[in-house]
Amino acid sequence: MMAPNDLTGLLAPLIALQRLLARFDDRGMVIGGVAASLLGKPRLTADVDAVMLVSTDDLPRLIEAVERSVLYPLGEVAIRLPTPEDLIIFKAVAHRPKDLLDIQAIIAGHPTLDRERIR
């Protein structure tokens, strides 16, 4: 798992994003390279990706993922992340080479995944 000091350059944006998510009842979460690094194997990333829900009527499947999200401790703050299973689903949809590598790392780091949910 990634140590907090590995995210030094992204810590301020992560804190700001988490504050924004909290203001909107945590209806969003950090995804992308930061989430993959924290839940799988650390990798270089230069940005912070997030998903935030503003219309519950149009996004029932994403709402379920956000409701399933968890606060991940990162030093003195906590960052809202998807479950490893949900991040694998997001990564599989994007299906880029780096997403497939992230999926492999997440699987390696979480041997008790809910494989039925992923299917």
PDB file of N, CA and C in Angstrom:
ATOM      1  N   MET A   1       0.834  -1.182   0.000  1.00  0.00           N
ATOM      2  CA  MET A   1       0.000   0.000   0.000  1.00  0.00           C
ATOM      3  C   MET A   1       0.881   1.248   0.000  1.00  0.00           C
ATOM      4  N   MET A   2       0.358   2.304  -0.499  1.00  0.00           N
ATOM      5  CA  MET A   2       1.110   3.534  -0.636  1.00  0.00           C
ATOM      6  C   MET A   2       1.231   4.252   0.700  1.00  0.00           C
ATOM      7  N   ALA A   3       2.415   4.762   0.983  1.00  0.00           N
ATOM      8  CA  ALA A   3       2.635   5.548   2.195  1.00  0.00           C
ATOM      9  C   ALA A   3       2.174   6.982   1.936  1.00  0.00           C
ATOM     10  N   PRO A   4       1.706   7.694   2.974  1.00  0.00           N
ATOM     11  CA  PRO A   4       1.234   9.061   2.786  1.00  0.00           C
ATOM     12  C   PRO A   4       2.267   9.966   2.130  1.00  0.00           C
ATOM     13  N   ASN A   5       3.565   9.790   2.443  1.00  0.00           N
ATOM     14  CA  ASN A   5       4.569  10.678   1.861  1.00  0.00           C
ATOM     15  C   ASN A   5       4.773  10.432   0.373  1.00  0.00           C
ATOM     16  N   ASP A   6       4.291   9.310  -0.174  1.00  0.00           N
ATOM     17  CA  ASP A   6       4.362   9.058  -1.608  1.00  0.00           C
ATOM     18  C   ASP A   6       3.391   9.949  -2.374  1.00  0.00           C
ATOM     19  N   LEU A   7       2.448  10.537  -1.691  1.00  0.00           N
ATOM     20  CA  LEU A   7       1.451  11.406  -2.325  1.00  0.00           C
ATOM     21  C   LEU A   7       1.661  12.875  -1.973  1.00  0.00           C
ATOM     22  N   THR A   8       2.864  13.226  -1.535  1.00  0.00           N
ATOM     23  CA  THR A   8       3.125  14.582  -1.056  1.00  0.00           C
ATOM     24  C   THR A   8       2.633  15.642  -2.023  1.00  0.00           C
ATOM     25  N   GLY A   9       2.929  15.486  -3.325  1.00  0.00           N
ATOM     26  CA  GLY A   9       2.528  16.484  -4.311  1.00  0.00           C
ATOM     27  C   GLY A   9       1.032  16.554  -4.539  1.00  0.00           C
ATOM     28  N   LEU A  10       0.318  15.498  -4.181  1.00  0.00           N
ATOM     29  CA  LEU A  10      -1.125  15.464  -4.400  1.00  0.00           C
ATOM     30  C   LEU A  10      -1.925  15.632  -3.113  1.00  0.00           C
ATOM     31  N   LEU A  11      -1.244  15.751  -1.990  1.00  0.00           N
ATOM     32  CA  LEU A  11      -1.951  15.790  -0.708  1.00  0.00           C
ATOM     33  C   LEU A  11      -2.887  16.995  -0.593  1.00  0.00           C
ATOM     34  N   ALA A  12      -2.425  18.177  -0.974  1.00  0.00           N
ATOM     35  CA  ALA A  12      -3.283  19.368  -0.877  1.00  0.00           C
ATOM     36  C   ALA A  12      -4.523  19.232  -1.767  1.00  0.00           C
ATOM     37  N   PRO A  13      -4.380  18.806  -3.036  1.00  0.00           N
ATOM     38  CA  PRO A  13      -5.599  18.612  -3.835  1.00  0.00           C
ATOM     39  C   PRO A  13      -6.509  17.524  -3.276  1.00  0.00           C
ATOM     40  N   LEU A  14      -5.931  16.462  -2.726  1.00  0.00           N
ATOM     41  CA  LEU A  14      -6.759  15.403  -2.136  1.00  0.00           C
ATOM     42  C   LEU A  14      -7.547  15.915  -0.940  1.00  0.00           C
ATOM     43  N   ILE A  15      -6.899  16.697  -0.109  1.00  0.00           N
ATOM     44  CA  ILE A  15      -7.587  17.260   1.061  1.00  0.00           C
ATOM     45  C   ILE A  15      -8.707  18.195   0.610  1.00  0.00           C
ATOM     46  N   ALA A  16      -8.415  19.044  -0.379  1.00  0.00           N
ATOM     47  CA  ALA A  16      -9.437  19.962  -0.883  1.00  0.00           C
ATOM     48  C   ALA A  16     -10.608  19.202  -1.499  1.00  0.00           C
ATOM     49  N   LEU A  17     -10.298  18.170  -2.258  1.00  0.00           N
ATOM     50  CA  LEU A  17     -11.362  17.363  -2.868  1.00  0.00           C
ATOM     51  C   LEU A  17     -12.200  16.680  -1.803  1.00  0.00           C
ATOM     52  N   GLN A  18     -11.557  16.119  -0.784  1.00  0.00           N
ATOM     53  CA  GLN A  18     -12.313  15.436   0.267  1.00  0.00           C
ATOM     54  C   GLN A  18     -13.217  16.416   1.015  1.00  0.00           C
ATOM     55  N   ARG A  19     -12.747  17.647   1.209  1.00  0.00           N
ATOM     56  CA  ARG A  19     -13.592  18.670   1.846  1.00  0.00           C
ATOM     57  C   ARG A  19     -14.809  18.977   0.975  1.00  0.00           C
ATOM     58  N   LEU A  20     -14.590  19.077  -0.331  1.00  0.00           N
ATOM     59  CA  LEU A  20     -15.709  19.318  -1.248  1.00  0.00           C
ATOM     60  C   LEU A  20     -16.704  18.174  -1.197  1.00  0.00           C
ATOM     61  N   LEU A  21     -16.206  16.938  -1.241  1.00  0.00           N
ATOM     62  CA  LEU A  21     -17.099  15.784  -1.169  1.00  0.00           C
ATOM     63  C   LEU A  21     -17.898  15.790   0.130  1.00  0.00           C
ATOM     64  N   ALA A  22     -17.249  16.143   1.227  1.00  0.00           N
ATOM     65  CA  ALA A  22     -17.934  16.184   2.521  1.00  0.00           C
ATOM     66  C   ALA A  22     -19.054  17.226   2.517  1.00  0.00           C
ATOM     67  N   ARG A  23     -18.843  18.349   1.842  1.00  0.00           N
ATOM     68  CA  ARG A  23     -19.874  19.391   1.769  1.00  0.00           C
ATOM     69  C   ARG A  23     -21.110  18.930   1.016  1.00  0.00           C
ATOM     70  N   PHE A  24     -20.947  17.946   0.166  1.00  0.00           N
ATOM     71  CA  PHE A  24     -22.062  17.394  -0.605  1.00  0.00           C
ATOM     72  C   PHE A  24     -22.424  16.001  -0.115  1.00  0.00           C
ATOM     73  N   ASP A  25     -22.374  15.823   1.198  1.00  0.00           N
ATOM     74  CA  ASP A  25     -22.778  14.567   1.845  1.00  0.00           C
ATOM     75  C   ASP A  25     -22.007  13.353   1.317  1.00  0.00           C
ATOM     76  N   ASP A  26     -20.734  13.563   0.989  1.00  0.00           N
ATOM     77  CA  ASP A  26     -19.866  12.477   0.512  1.00  0.00           C
ATOM     78  C   ASP A  26     -20.485  11.732  -0.662  1.00  0.00           C
ATOM     79  N   ARG A  27     -21.099  12.457  -1.575  1.00  0.00           N
ATOM     80  CA  ARG A  27     -21.718  11.845  -2.757  1.00  0.00           C
ATOM     81  C   ARG A  27     -20.710  11.744  -3.905  1.00  0.00           C
ATOM     82  N   GLY A  28     -19.486  11.389  -3.574  1.00  0.00           N
ATOM     83  CA  GLY A  28     -18.459  11.213  -4.586  1.00  0.00           C
ATOM     84  C   GLY A  28     -17.289  10.468  -3.975  1.00  0.00           C
ATOM     85  N   MET A  29     -16.288  10.166  -4.810  1.00  0.00           N
ATOM     86  CA  MET A  29     -15.123   9.443  -4.303  1.00  0.00           C
ATOM     87  C   MET A  29     -13.946   9.638  -5.239  1.00  0.00           C
ATOM     88  N   VAL A  30     -12.757   9.426  -4.691  1.00  0.00           N
ATOM     89  CA  VAL A  30     -11.516   9.465  -5.457  1.00  0.00           C
ATOM     90  C   VAL A  30     -11.410   8.150  -6.222  1.00  0.00           C
ATOM     91  N   ILE A  31     -11.062   8.248  -7.507  1.00  0.00           N
ATOM     92  CA  ILE A  31     -10.876   7.053  -8.342  1.00  0.00           C
ATOM     93  C   ILE A  31      -9.531   7.189  -9.051  1.00  0.00           C
ATOM     94  N   GLY A  32      -9.312   6.470 -10.105  1.00  0.00           N
ATOM     95  CA  GLY A  32      -8.132   6.631 -10.935  1.00  0.00           C
ATOM     96  C   GLY A  32      -6.841   6.173 -10.287  1.00  0.00           C
ATOM     97  N   GLY A  33      -5.752   6.797 -10.689  1.00  0.00           N
ATOM     98  CA  GLY A  33      -4.419   6.390 -10.255  1.00  0.00           C
ATOM     99  C   GLY A  33      -4.198   6.475  -8.754  1.00  0.00           C
ATOM    100  N   VAL A  34      -4.749   7.496  -8.100  1.00  0.00           N
ATOM    101  CA  VAL A  34      -4.590   7.609  -6.644  1.00  0.00           C
ATOM    102  C   VAL A  34      -5.263   6.434  -5.953  1.00  0.00           C
ATOM    103  N   ALA A  35      -6.506   6.147  -6.327  1.00  0.00           N
ATOM    104  CA  ALA A  35      -7.212   5.019  -5.710  1.00  0.00           C
ATOM    105  C   ALA A  35      -6.505   3.703  -6.014  1.00  0.00           C
ATOM    106  N   ALA A  36      -6.051   3.533  -7.266  1.00  0.00           N
ATOM    107  CA  ALA A  36      -5.345   2.299  -7.630  1.00  0.00           C
ATOM    108  C   ALA A  36      -4.048   2.157  -6.848  1.00  0.00           C
ATOM    109  N   SER A  37      -3.358   3.258  -6.603  1.00  0.00           N
ATOM    110  CA  SER A  37      -2.113   3.221  -5.834  1.00  0.00           C
ATOM    111  C   SER A  37      -2.364   2.886  -4.372  1.00  0.00           C
ATOM    112  N   LEU A  38      -3.454   3.374  -3.827  1.00  0.00           N
ATOM    113  CA  LEU A  38      -3.767   3.112  -2.422  1.00  0.00           C
ATOM    114  C   LEU A  38      -4.337   1.719  -2.208  1.00  0.00           C
ATOM    115  N   LEU A  39      -5.102   1.219  -3.172  1.00  0.00           N
ATOM    116  CA  LEU A  39      -5.734  -0.089  -3.021  1.00  0.00           C
ATOM    117  C   LEU A  39      -4.935  -1.220  -3.664  1.00  0.00           C
ATOM    118  N   GLY A  40      -4.013  -0.883  -4.540  1.00  0.00           N
ATOM    119  CA  GLY A  40      -3.216  -1.891  -5.235  1.00  0.00           C
ATOM    120  C   GLY A  40      -1.738  -1.645  -5.058  1.00  0.00           C
ATOM    121  N   LYS A  41      -1.055  -1.384  -6.148  1.00  0.00           N
ATOM    122  CA  LYS A  41       0.394  -1.166  -6.164  1.00  0.00           C
ATOM    123  C   LYS A  41       0.664   0.298  -6.484  1.00  0.00           C
ATOM    124  N   PRO A  42       1.525   0.966  -5.699  1.00  0.00           N
ATOM    125  CA  PRO A  42       1.821   2.379  -5.992  1.00  0.00           C
ATOM    126  C   PRO A  42       2.332   2.556  -7.419  1.00  0.00           C
ATOM    127  N   ARG A  43       1.824   3.594  -8.073  1.00  0.00           N
ATOM    128  CA  ARG A  43       2.283   3.924  -9.419  1.00  0.00           C
ATOM    129  C   ARG A  43       2.256   5.433  -9.577  1.00  0.00           C
ATOM    130  N   LEU A  44       3.013   5.912 -10.540  1.00  0.00           N
ATOM    131  CA  LEU A  44       3.094   7.341 -10.782  1.00  0.00           C
ATOM    132  C   LEU A  44       1.769   7.861 -11.320  1.00  0.00           C
ATOM    133  N   THR A  45       1.308   8.936 -10.740  1.00  0.00           N
ATOM    134  CA  THR A  45       0.125   9.620 -11.249  1.00  0.00           C
ATOM    135  C   THR A  45       0.310  11.102 -10.984  1.00  0.00           C
ATOM    136  N   ALA A  46      -0.162  11.917 -11.886  1.00  0.00           N
ATOM    137  CA  ALA A  46       0.042  13.354 -11.775  1.00  0.00           C
ATOM    138  C   ALA A  46      -1.256  14.114 -11.521  1.00  0.00           C
ATOM    139  N   ASP A  47      -2.343  13.386 -11.365  1.00  0.00           N
ATOM    140  CA  ASP A  47      -3.610  14.067 -11.162  1.00  0.00           C
ATOM    141  C   ASP A  47      -4.472  13.293 -10.179  1.00  0.00           C
ATOM    142  N   VAL A  48      -5.562  13.927  -9.813  1.00  0.00           N
ATOM    143  CA  VAL A  48      -6.528  13.307  -8.911  1.00  0.00           C
ATOM    144  C   VAL A  48      -7.840  13.191  -9.678  1.00  0.00           C
ATOM    145  N   ASP A  49      -8.307  11.960  -9.823  1.00  0.00           N
ATOM    146  CA  ASP A  49      -9.582  11.725 -10.504  1.00  0.00           C
ATOM    147  C   ASP A  49     -10.649  11.435  -9.454  1.00  0.00           C
ATOM    148  N   ALA A  50     -11.846  11.916  -9.733  1.00  0.00           N
ATOM    149  CA  ALA A  50     -12.953  11.677  -8.810  1.00  0.00           C
ATOM    150  C   ALA A  50     -14.243  11.592  -9.601  1.00  0.00           C
ATOM    151  N   VAL A  51     -15.205  10.989  -8.982  1.00  0.00           N
ATOM    152  CA  VAL A  51     -16.550  10.976  -9.534  1.00  0.00           C
ATOM    153  C   VAL A  51     -17.460  11.548  -8.449  1.00  0.00           C
ATOM    154  N   MET A  52     -18.382  12.412  -8.879  1.00  0.00           N
ATOM    155  CA  MET A  52     -19.307  13.033  -7.939  1.00  0.00           C
ATOM    156  C   MET A  52     -20.698  12.965  -8.530  1.00  0.00           C
ATOM    157  N   LEU A  53     -21.628  12.587  -7.735  1.00  0.00           N
ATOM    158  CA  LEU A  53     -23.006  12.435  -8.199  1.00  0.00           C
ATOM    159  C   LEU A  53     -23.817  13.686  -7.890  1.00  0.00           C
ATOM    160  N   VAL A  54     -24.467  14.193  -8.918  1.00  0.00           N
ATOM    161  CA  VAL A  54     -25.312  15.360  -8.722  1.00  0.00           C
ATOM    162  C   VAL A  54     -26.770  15.075  -9.040  1.00  0.00           C
ATOM    163  N   SER A  55     -27.030  13.985  -9.753  1.00  0.00           N
ATOM    164  CA  SER A  55     -28.398  13.618 -10.070  1.00  0.00           C
ATOM    165  C   SER A  55     -28.593  12.134  -9.781  1.00  0.00           C
ATOM    166  N   THR A  56     -29.281  11.845  -8.708  1.00  0.00           N
ATOM    167  CA  THR A  56     -29.502  10.451  -8.340  1.00  0.00           C
ATOM    168  C   THR A  56     -30.492   9.744  -9.261  1.00  0.00           C
ATOM    169  N   ASP A  57     -31.303  10.480  -9.968  1.00  0.00           N
ATOM    170  CA  ASP A  57     -32.287   9.862 -10.859  1.00  0.00           C
ATOM    171  C   ASP A  57     -31.638   9.182 -12.065  1.00  0.00           C
ATOM    172  N   ASP A  58     -30.551   9.756 -12.576  1.00  0.00           N
ATOM    173  CA  ASP A  58     -29.941   9.247 -13.794  1.00  0.00           C
ATOM    174  C   ASP A  58     -28.798   8.260 -13.569  1.00  0.00           C
ATOM    175  N   LEU A  59     -28.341   8.115 -12.357  1.00  0.00           N
ATOM    176  CA  LEU A  59     -27.130   7.336 -12.129  1.00  0.00           C
ATOM    177  C   LEU A  59     -27.263   6.274 -11.039  1.00  0.00           C
ATOM    178  N   PRO A  60     -28.268   5.415 -11.115  1.00  0.00           N
ATOM    179  CA  PRO A  60     -28.495   4.475 -10.012  1.00  0.00           C
ATOM    180  C   PRO A  60     -27.327   3.518  -9.747  1.00  0.00           C
ATOM    181  N   ARG A  61     -26.638   3.067 -10.780  1.00  0.00           N
ATOM    182  CA  ARG A  61     -25.518   2.143 -10.544  1.00  0.00           C
ATOM    183  C   ARG A  61     -24.339   2.857  -9.901  1.00  0.00           C
ATOM    184  N   LEU A  62     -24.063   4.097 -10.289  1.00  0.00           N
ATOM    185  CA  LEU A  62     -22.972   4.836  -9.663  1.00  0.00           C
ATOM    186  C   LEU A  62     -23.308   5.222  -8.230  1.00  0.00           C
ATOM    187  N   ILE A  63     -24.569   5.496  -8.004  1.00  0.00           N
ATOM    188  CA  ILE A  63     -24.991   5.826  -6.645  1.00  0.00           C
ATOM    189  C   ILE A  63     -24.681   4.655  -5.721  1.00  0.00           C
ATOM    190  N   GLU A  64     -24.977   3.452  -6.180  1.00  0.00           N
ATOM    191  CA  GLU A  64     -24.682   2.265  -5.373  1.00  0.00           C
ATOM    192  C   GLU A  64     -23.191   2.181  -5.072  1.00  0.00           C
ATOM    193  N   ALA A  65     -22.336   2.462  -6.083  1.00  0.00           N
ATOM    194  CA  ALA A  65     -20.877   2.412  -5.856  1.00  0.00           C
ATOM    195  C   ALA A  65     -20.444   3.453  -4.845  1.00  0.00           C
ATOM    196  N   VAL A  66     -21.008   4.674  -4.944  1.00  0.00           N
ATOM    197  CA  VAL A  66     -20.626   5.722  -3.993  1.00  0.00           C
ATOM    198  C   VAL A  66     -21.118   5.367  -2.595  1.00  0.00           C
ATOM    199  N   GLU A  67     -22.321   4.818  -2.496  1.00  0.00           N
ATOM    200  CA  GLU A  67     -22.833   4.425  -1.184  1.00  0.00           C
ATOM    201  C   GLU A  67     -21.979   3.314  -0.578  1.00  0.00           C
ATOM    202  N   ARG A  68     -21.365   2.500  -1.421  1.00  0.00           N
ATOM    203  CA  ARG A  68     -20.504   1.413  -0.958  1.00  0.00           C
ATOM    204  C   ARG A  68     -19.084   1.895  -0.646  1.00  0.00           C
ATOM    205  N   SER A  69     -18.746   3.132  -1.034  1.00  0.00           N
ATOM    206  CA  SER A  69     -17.388   3.623  -0.843  1.00  0.00           C
ATOM    207  C   SER A  69     -17.038   3.697   0.641  1.00  0.00           C
ATOM    208  N   VAL A  70     -15.745   3.754   0.897  1.00  0.00           N
ATOM    209  CA  VAL A  70     -15.261   3.768   2.276  1.00  0.00           C
ATOM    210  C   VAL A  70     -14.231   4.867   2.445  1.00  0.00           C
ATOM    211  N   LEU A  71     -14.093   5.335   3.674  1.00  0.00           N
ATOM    212  CA  LEU A  71     -13.042   6.293   3.980  1.00  0.00           C
ATOM    213  C   LEU A  71     -11.751   5.523   4.231  1.00  0.00           C
ATOM    214  N   TYR A  72     -10.699   5.872   3.495  1.00  0.00           N
ATOM    215  CA  TYR A  72      -9.405   5.205   3.566  1.00  0.00           C
ATOM    216  C   TYR A  72      -8.456   6.124   4.321  1.00  0.00           C
ATOM    217  N   PRO A  73      -7.899   5.677   5.458  1.00  0.00           N
ATOM    218  CA  PRO A  73      -7.006   6.549   6.220  1.00  0.00           C
ATOM    219  C   PRO A  73      -5.720   6.836   5.447  1.00  0.00           C
ATOM    220  N   LEU A  74      -5.345   8.107   5.395  1.00  0.00           N
ATOM    221  CA  LEU A  74      -4.133   8.532   4.701  1.00  0.00           C
ATOM    222  C   LEU A  74      -3.469   9.608   5.543  1.00  0.00           C
ATOM    223  N   GLY A  75      -2.612   9.174   6.453  1.00  0.00           N
ATOM    224  CA  GLY A  75      -1.986  10.130   7.369  1.00  0.00           C
ATOM    225  C   GLY A  75      -3.029  10.732   8.281  1.00  0.00           C
ATOM    226  N   GLU A  76      -3.094  12.061   8.283  1.00  0.00           N
ATOM    227  CA  GLU A  76      -4.027  12.757   9.168  1.00  0.00           C
ATOM    228  C   GLU A  76      -5.402  12.981   8.547  1.00  0.00           C
ATOM    229  N   VAL A  77      -5.591  12.545   7.327  1.00  0.00           N
ATOM    230  CA  VAL A  77      -6.883  12.713   6.665  1.00  0.00           C
ATOM    231  C   VAL A  77      -7.423  11.349   6.256  1.00  0.00           C
ATOM    232  N   ALA A  78      -8.649  11.339   5.828  1.00  0.00           N
ATOM    233  CA  ALA A  78      -9.264  10.131   5.280  1.00  0.00           C
ATOM    234  C   ALA A  78      -9.809  10.499   3.902  1.00  0.00           C
ATOM    235  N   ILE A  79      -9.562   9.643   2.922  1.00  0.00           N
ATOM    236  CA  ILE A  79      -9.965   9.881   1.546  1.00  0.00           C
ATOM    237  C   ILE A  79     -11.029   8.861   1.172  1.00  0.00           C
ATOM    238  N   ARG A  80     -12.121   9.331   0.583  1.00  0.00           N
ATOM    239  CA  ARG A  80     -13.191   8.420   0.182  1.00  0.00           C
ATOM    240  C   ARG A  80     -12.778   7.716  -1.110  1.00  0.00           C
ATOM    241  N   LEU A  81     -12.790   6.375  -1.077  1.00  0.00           N
ATOM    242  CA  LEU A  81     -12.403   5.539  -2.209  1.00  0.00           C
ATOM    243  C   LEU A  81     -13.491   4.512  -2.495  1.00  0.00           C
ATOM    244  N   PRO A  82     -13.515   4.017  -3.728  1.00  0.00           N
ATOM    245  CA  PRO A  82     -14.423   2.909  -4.011  1.00  0.00           C
ATOM    246  C   PRO A  82     -13.901   1.640  -3.355  1.00  0.00           C
ATOM    247  N   THR A  83     -14.744   0.645  -3.238  1.00  0.00           N
ATOM    248  CA  THR A  83     -14.252  -0.658  -2.782  1.00  0.00           C
ATOM    249  C   THR A  83     -13.315  -1.189  -3.864  1.00  0.00           C
ATOM    250  N   PRO A  84     -12.425  -2.115  -3.521  1.00  0.00           N
ATOM    251  CA  PRO A  84     -11.556  -2.691  -4.559  1.00  0.00           C
ATOM    252  C   PRO A  84     -12.361  -3.275  -5.723  1.00  0.00           C
ATOM    253  N   GLU A  85     -13.488  -3.915  -5.419  1.00  0.00           N
ATOM    254  CA  GLU A  85     -14.326  -4.492  -6.471  1.00  0.00           C
ATOM    255  C   GLU A  85     -14.862  -3.413  -7.414  1.00  0.00           C
ATOM    256  N   ASP A  86     -15.356  -2.322  -6.832  1.00  0.00           N
ATOM    257  CA  ASP A  86     -15.919  -1.260  -7.670  1.00  0.00           C
ATOM    258  C   ASP A  86     -14.846  -0.568  -8.497  1.00  0.00           C
ATOM    259  N   LEU A  87     -13.637  -0.403  -7.933  1.00  0.00           N
ATOM    260  CA  LEU A  87     -12.560   0.196  -8.713  1.00  0.00           C
ATOM    261  C   LEU A  87     -12.180  -0.709  -9.884  1.00  0.00           C
ATOM    262  N   ILE A  88     -12.187  -2.006  -9.664  1.00  0.00           N
ATOM    263  CA  ILE A  88     -11.912  -2.944 -10.762  1.00  0.00           C
ATOM    264  C   ILE A  88     -12.953  -2.773 -11.869  1.00  0.00           C
ATOM    265  N   ILE A  89     -14.214  -2.594 -11.488  1.00  0.00           N
ATOM    266  CA  ILE A  89     -15.272  -2.388 -12.484  1.00  0.00           C
ATOM    267  C   ILE A  89     -15.024  -1.099 -13.266  1.00  0.00           C
ATOM    268  N   PHE A  90     -14.715  -0.001 -12.567  1.00  0.00           N
ATOM    269  CA  PHE A  90     -14.415   1.265 -13.246  1.00  0.00           C
ATOM    270  C   PHE A  90     -13.244   1.097 -14.206  1.00  0.00           C
ATOM    271  N   LYS A  91     -12.190   0.425 -13.736  1.00  0.00           N
ATOM    272  CA  LYS A  91     -10.986   0.226 -14.546  1.00  0.00           C
ATOM    273  C   LYS A  91     -11.281  -0.672 -15.750  1.00  0.00           C
ATOM    274  N   ALA A  92     -12.109  -1.679 -15.562  1.00  0.00           N
ATOM    275  CA  ALA A  92     -12.441  -2.587 -16.661  1.00  0.00           C
ATOM    276  C   ALA A  92     -13.222  -1.854 -17.754  1.00  0.00           C
ATOM    277  N   VAL A  93     -14.073  -0.932 -17.361  1.00  0.00           N
ATOM    278  CA  VAL A  93     -14.831  -0.165 -18.344  1.00  0.00           C
ATOM    279  C   VAL A  93     -13.890   0.715 -19.168  1.00  0.00           C
ATOM    280  N   ALA A  94     -12.923   1.359 -18.503  1.00  0.00           N
ATOM    281  CA  ALA A  94     -11.957   2.203 -19.219  1.00  0.00           C
ATOM    282  C   ALA A  94     -11.063   1.350 -20.122  1.00  0.00           C
ATOM    283  N   HIS A  95     -10.630   0.221 -19.620  1.00  0.00           N
ATOM    284  CA  HIS A  95      -9.931  -0.824 -20.378  1.00  0.00           C
ATOM    285  C   HIS A  95      -8.678  -0.353 -21.130  1.00  0.00           C
ATOM    286  N   ARG A  96      -7.931   0.580 -20.541  1.00  0.00           N
ATOM    287  CA  ARG A  96      -6.653   0.976 -21.115  1.00  0.00           C
ATOM    288  C   ARG A  96      -5.575   0.048 -20.565  1.00  0.00           C
ATOM    289  N   PRO A  97      -4.418  -0.035 -21.209  1.00  0.00           N
ATOM    290  CA  PRO A  97      -3.357  -0.912 -20.697  1.00  0.00           C
ATOM    291  C   PRO A  97      -3.014  -0.645 -19.232  1.00  0.00           C
ATOM    292  N   LYS A  98      -2.929   0.634 -18.832  1.00  0.00           N
ATOM    293  CA  LYS A  98      -2.585   0.909 -17.427  1.00  0.00           C
ATOM    294  C   LYS A  98      -3.729   0.513 -16.492  1.00  0.00           C
ATOM    295  N   ASP A  99      -4.970   0.554 -16.978  1.00  0.00           N
ATOM    296  CA  ASP A  99      -6.099   0.121 -16.161  1.00  0.00           C
ATOM    297  C   ASP A  99      -6.023  -1.383 -15.911  1.00  0.00           C
ATOM    298  N   LEU A 100      -5.624  -2.132 -16.928  1.00  0.00           N
ATOM    299  CA  LEU A 100      -5.501  -3.583 -16.776  1.00  0.00           C
ATOM    300  C   LEU A 100      -4.385  -3.929 -15.788  1.00  0.00           C
ATOM    301  N   LEU A 101      -3.289  -3.155 -15.811  1.00  0.00           N
ATOM    302  CA  LEU A 101      -2.216  -3.354 -14.824  1.00  0.00           C
ATOM    303  C   LEU A 101      -2.712  -3.018 -13.418  1.00  0.00           C
ATOM    304  N   ASP A 102      -3.496  -1.945 -13.300  1.00  0.00           N
ATOM    305  CA  ASP A 102      -4.071  -1.580 -12.000  1.00  0.00           C
ATOM    306  C   ASP A 102      -4.972  -2.697 -11.488  1.00  0.00           C
ATOM    307  N   ILE A 103      -5.778  -3.276 -12.365  1.00  0.00           N
ATOM    308  CA  ILE A 103      -6.673  -4.371 -11.970  1.00  0.00           C
ATOM    309  C   ILE A 103      -5.865  -5.537 -11.425  1.00  0.00           C
ATOM    310  N   GLN A 104      -4.789  -5.894 -12.117  1.00  0.00           N
ATOM    311  CA  GLN A 104      -3.935  -6.997 -11.650  1.00  0.00           C
ATOM    312  C   GLN A 104      -3.375  -6.705 -10.266  1.00  0.00           C
ATOM    313  N   ALA A 105      -2.935  -5.469 -10.040  1.00  0.00           N
ATOM    314  CA  ALA A 105      -2.358  -5.102  -8.739  1.00  0.00           C
ATOM    315  C   ALA A 105      -3.419  -5.118  -7.639  1.00  0.00           C
ATOM    316  N   ILE A 106      -4.610  -4.655  -7.949  1.00  0.00           N
ATOM    317  CA  ILE A 106      -5.695  -4.657  -6.954  1.00  0.00           C
ATOM    318  C   ILE A 106      -6.060  -6.090  -6.595  1.00  0.00           C
ATOM    319  N   ILE A 107      -6.150  -6.959  -7.596  1.00  0.00           N
ATOM    320  CA  ILE A 107      -6.450  -8.371  -7.334  1.00  0.00           C
ATOM    321  C   ILE A 107      -5.372  -8.988  -6.455  1.00  0.00           C
ATOM    322  N   ALA A 108      -4.104  -8.683  -6.753  1.00  0.00           N
ATOM    323  CA  ALA A 108      -2.996  -9.238  -5.964  1.00  0.00           C
ATOM    324  C   ALA A 108      -3.043  -8.761  -4.516  1.00  0.00           C
ATOM    325  N   GLY A 109      -3.479  -7.531  -4.305  1.00  0.00           N
ATOM    326  CA  GLY A 109      -3.518  -6.975  -2.957  1.00  0.00           C
ATOM    327  C   GLY A 109      -4.767  -7.295  -2.157  1.00  0.00           C
ATOM    328  N   HIS A 110      -5.766  -7.871  -2.815  1.00  0.00           N
ATOM    329  CA  HIS A 110      -7.048  -8.156  -2.162  1.00  0.00           C
ATOM    330  C   HIS A 110      -7.526  -9.554  -2.544  1.00  0.00           C
ATOM    331  N   PRO A 111      -6.961 -10.577  -1.909  1.00  0.00           N
ATOM    332  CA  PRO A 111      -7.294 -11.961  -2.291  1.00  0.00           C
ATOM    333  C   PRO A 111      -8.735 -12.380  -1.994  1.00  0.00           C
ATOM    334  N   THR A 112      -9.447 -11.633  -1.172  1.00  0.00           N
ATOM    335  CA  THR A 112     -10.816 -12.033  -0.816  1.00  0.00           C
ATOM    336  C   THR A 112     -11.862 -11.177  -1.535  1.00  0.00           C
ATOM    337  N   LEU A 113     -11.575 -10.774  -2.769  1.00  0.00           N
ATOM    338  CA  LEU A 113     -12.509  -9.961  -3.543  1.00  0.00           C
ATOM    339  C   LEU A 113     -13.848 -10.679  -3.743  1.00  0.00           C
ATOM    340  N   ASP A 114     -14.897  -9.897  -3.827  1.00  0.00           N
ATOM    341  CA  ASP A 114     -16.220 -10.405  -4.159  1.00  0.00           C
ATOM    342  C   ASP A 114     -16.292 -10.525  -5.687  1.00  0.00           C
ATOM    343  N   ARG A 115     -15.854 -11.662  -6.200  1.00  0.00           N
ATOM    344  CA  ARG A 115     -15.754 -11.856  -7.651  1.00  0.00           C
ATOM    345  C   ARG A 115     -17.127 -11.852  -8.322  1.00  0.00           C
ATOM    346  N   GLU A 116     -18.157 -12.233  -7.614  1.00  0.00           N
ATOM    347  CA  GLU A 116     -19.507 -12.204  -8.171  1.00  0.00           C
ATOM    348  C   GLU A 116     -19.919 -10.765  -8.446  1.00  0.00           C
ATOM    349  N   ARG A 117     -19.612  -9.850  -7.537  1.00  0.00           N
ATOM    350  CA  ARG A 117     -19.921  -8.424  -7.750  1.00  0.00           C
ATOM    351  C   ARG A 117     -19.210  -7.907  -8.993  1.00  0.00           C
ATOM    352  N   ILE A 118     -17.959  -8.300  -9.173  1.00  0.00           N
ATOM    353  CA  ILE A 118     -17.188  -7.839 -10.322  1.00  0.00           C
ATOM    354  C   ILE A 118     -17.804  -8.355 -11.618  1.00  0.00           C
ATOM    355  N   ARG A 119     -18.273  -9.595 -11.614  1.00  0.00           N
ATOM    356  CA  ARG A 119     -18.914 -10.156 -12.825  1.00  0.00           C
ATOM    357  C   ARG A 119     -20.142  -9.353 -13.179  1.00  0.00           C
TER     358      ARG A 119
END
